[in-house]
Each structure stands twice: as C-alpha cells, then as structure tokens.
Amino acid sequence: MQEGQLRWYGHVMRRDKSHMTQRVMAIDEGKRGRRRPLTTWTRTVFSDMKTLGLTPEMTKDRIKWRTSIRRANPK
C-alpha cells in the first residue's frame, strides 16, 4: 500500500500546477482543536518519504522516483 501511495503522490506532483489535483494538494487543512492531529493521507505520505529518505523534488524524475519506491518494497 505504501508503494501505491507514493506512486500516486509522484504522479500528482508531476502534473501541471493548474490541474485540479495540484489545487487540492495546496488546500490548507486549517486549525484544529486540542486533540491529537488526525492522520491524513498527506502526513502518511510525508512520513513514508522521510523513512525512505525521499524528497518532493525527487518526483520530477519519474524513473528515479519509481526505482526508489520499488526498491523499498521488494515483492
């Protein structure tokens, strides 16, 4: 599942800045109450990227991105 999420993230980040998915990614989640922050899809993806040593800039090179996320999840 981690590989699928990272693959989708890479796909979205390579899209044109005016595309709907890019605009949705830019939406601010806003301020929440005094509880533990909700685990969102974005936070999960960034946590997985940190674990694997990946950065958002790496998504621009599709081949390198795919090999990086596949190497982390051998089948």
C-alpha atoms as a PDB file:
ATOM      1  CA  MET A   1       0.000   0.000   0.000  1.00  0.00           C
ATOM      2  CA  GLN A   2       2.924   2.321   0.767  1.00  0.00           C
ATOM      3  CA  GLU A   3       4.274   1.922  -2.765  1.00  0.00           C
ATOM      4  CA  GLY A   4       0.868   2.716  -4.262  1.00  0.00           C
ATOM      5  CA  GLN A   5       0.503   5.870  -2.206  1.00  0.00           C
ATOM      6  CA  LEU A   6       3.987   7.068  -3.131  1.00  0.00           C
ATOM      7  CA  ARG A   7       3.380   6.228  -6.790  1.00  0.00           C
ATOM      8  CA  TRP A   8       0.180   8.324  -6.774  1.00  0.00           C
ATOM      9  CA  TYR A   9       1.943  11.179  -4.965  1.00  0.00           C
ATOM     10  CA  GLY A  10       4.653  11.218  -7.643  1.00  0.00           C
ATOM     11  CA  HIS A  11       2.018  11.221 -10.375  1.00  0.00           C
ATOM     12  CA  VAL A  12       0.158  14.158  -8.795  1.00  0.00           C
ATOM     13  CA  MET A  13       3.334  16.174  -8.231  1.00  0.00           C
ATOM     14  CA  ARG A  14       4.352  15.832 -11.894  1.00  0.00           C
ATOM     15  CA  ARG A  15       1.017  17.280 -13.070  1.00  0.00           C
ATOM     16  CA  ASP A  16       0.597  20.851 -14.267  1.00  0.00           C
ATOM     17  CA  LYS A  17       0.222  23.390 -11.449  1.00  0.00           C
ATOM     18  CA  SER A  18      -3.233  24.392 -12.720  1.00  0.00           C
ATOM     19  CA  HIS A  19      -4.563  20.812 -12.636  1.00  0.00           C
ATOM     20  CA  MET A  20      -7.299  20.059 -10.109  1.00  0.00           C
ATOM     21  CA  THR A  21      -5.161  17.575  -8.136  1.00  0.00           C
ATOM     22  CA  GLN A  22      -2.448  20.196  -7.649  1.00  0.00           C
ATOM     23  CA  ARG A  23      -5.009  22.701  -6.407  1.00  0.00           C
ATOM     24  CA  VAL A  24      -6.439  20.172  -3.938  1.00  0.00           C
ATOM     25  CA  MET A  25      -2.945  19.408  -2.609  1.00  0.00           C
ATOM     26  CA  ALA A  26      -2.481  23.133  -1.928  1.00  0.00           C
ATOM     27  CA  ILE A  27      -5.592  23.415   0.281  1.00  0.00           C
ATOM     28  CA  ASP A  28      -4.755  24.325   3.846  1.00  0.00           C
ATOM     29  CA  GLU A  29      -6.247  21.935   6.404  1.00  0.00           C
ATOM     30  CA  GLY A  30      -6.914  24.755   8.843  1.00  0.00           C
ATOM     31  CA  LYS A  31      -6.650  24.908  12.604  1.00  0.00           C
ATOM     32  CA  ARG A  32      -7.924  22.022  14.716  1.00  0.00           C
ATOM     33  CA  GLY A  33      -8.844  21.601  18.342  1.00  0.00           C
ATOM     34  CA  ARG A  34      -6.679  20.467  21.247  1.00  0.00           C
ATOM     35  CA  ARG A  35      -6.582  16.798  20.382  1.00  0.00           C
ATOM     36  CA  ARG A  36      -4.056  14.640  18.637  1.00  0.00           C
ATOM     37  CA  PRO A  37      -3.799  15.718  14.979  1.00  0.00           C
ATOM     38  CA  LEU A  38      -5.695  13.485  12.570  1.00  0.00           C
ATOM     39  CA  THR A  39      -3.609  11.160  10.455  1.00  0.00           C
ATOM     40  CA  THR A  40      -4.177  12.464   6.941  1.00  0.00           C
ATOM     41  CA  TRP A  41      -3.091  10.948   3.643  1.00  0.00           C
ATOM     42  CA  THR A  42      -0.564  13.756   3.139  1.00  0.00           C
ATOM     43  CA  ARG A  43       1.011  13.230   6.547  1.00  0.00           C
ATOM     44  CA  THR A  44       1.253   9.492   5.916  1.00  0.00           C
ATOM     45  CA  VAL A  45       2.950  10.044   2.556  1.00  0.00           C
ATOM     46  CA  PHE A  46       5.443  12.530   4.004  1.00  0.00           C
ATOM     47  CA  SER A  47       6.184  10.135   6.862  1.00  0.00           C
ATOM     48  CA  ASP A  48       6.847   7.315   4.387  1.00  0.00           C
ATOM     49  CA  MET A  49       9.054   9.604   2.314  1.00  0.00           C
ATOM     50  CA  LYS A  50      11.062  10.585   5.383  1.00  0.00           C
ATOM     51  CA  THR A  51      11.532   6.924   6.306  1.00  0.00           C
ATOM     52  CA  LEU A  52      12.798   6.117   2.808  1.00  0.00           C
ATOM     53  CA  GLY A  53      14.954   9.253   2.518  1.00  0.00           C
ATOM     54  CA  LEU A  54      12.931  10.754  -0.344  1.00  0.00           C
ATOM     55  CA  THR A  55      12.162  14.408  -1.054  1.00  0.00           C
ATOM     56  CA  PRO A  56       9.324  16.042  -3.030  1.00  0.00           C
ATOM     57  CA  GLU A  57      11.856  17.318  -5.595  1.00  0.00           C
ATOM     58  CA  MET A  58      12.715  13.719  -6.488  1.00  0.00           C
ATOM     59  CA  THR A  59       9.253  13.243  -8.034  1.00  0.00           C
ATOM     60  CA  LYS A  60      10.281  15.280 -11.088  1.00  0.00           C
ATOM     61  CA  ASP A  61      12.460  12.395 -12.343  1.00  0.00           C
ATOM     62  CA  ARG A  62       9.871   9.668 -12.902  1.00  0.00           C
ATOM     63  CA  ILE A  63      12.305   6.785 -13.473  1.00  0.00           C
ATOM     64  CA  LYS A  64      14.377   7.572 -10.402  1.00  0.00           C
ATOM     65  CA  TRP A  65      11.234   8.024  -8.279  1.00  0.00           C
ATOM     66  CA  ARG A  66       9.784   4.669  -9.354  1.00  0.00           C
ATOM     67  CA  THR A  67      13.000   2.773  -8.702  1.00  0.00           C
ATOM     68  CA  SER A  68      13.370   4.448  -5.292  1.00  0.00           C
ATOM     69  CA  ILE A  69       9.909   3.445  -4.097  1.00  0.00           C
ATOM     70  CA  ARG A  70      10.098  -0.067  -5.596  1.00  0.00           C
ATOM     71  CA  ARG A  71      13.486  -0.768  -4.048  1.00  0.00           C
ATOM     72  CA  ALA A  72      11.984  -0.021  -0.647  1.00  0.00           C
ATOM     73  CA  ASN A  73       9.141  -2.543  -1.143  1.00  0.00           C
ATOM     74  CA  PRO A  74      10.521  -5.774  -2.639  1.00  0.00           C
ATOM     75  CA  LYS A  75       7.868  -8.195  -3.872  1.00  0.00           C
END
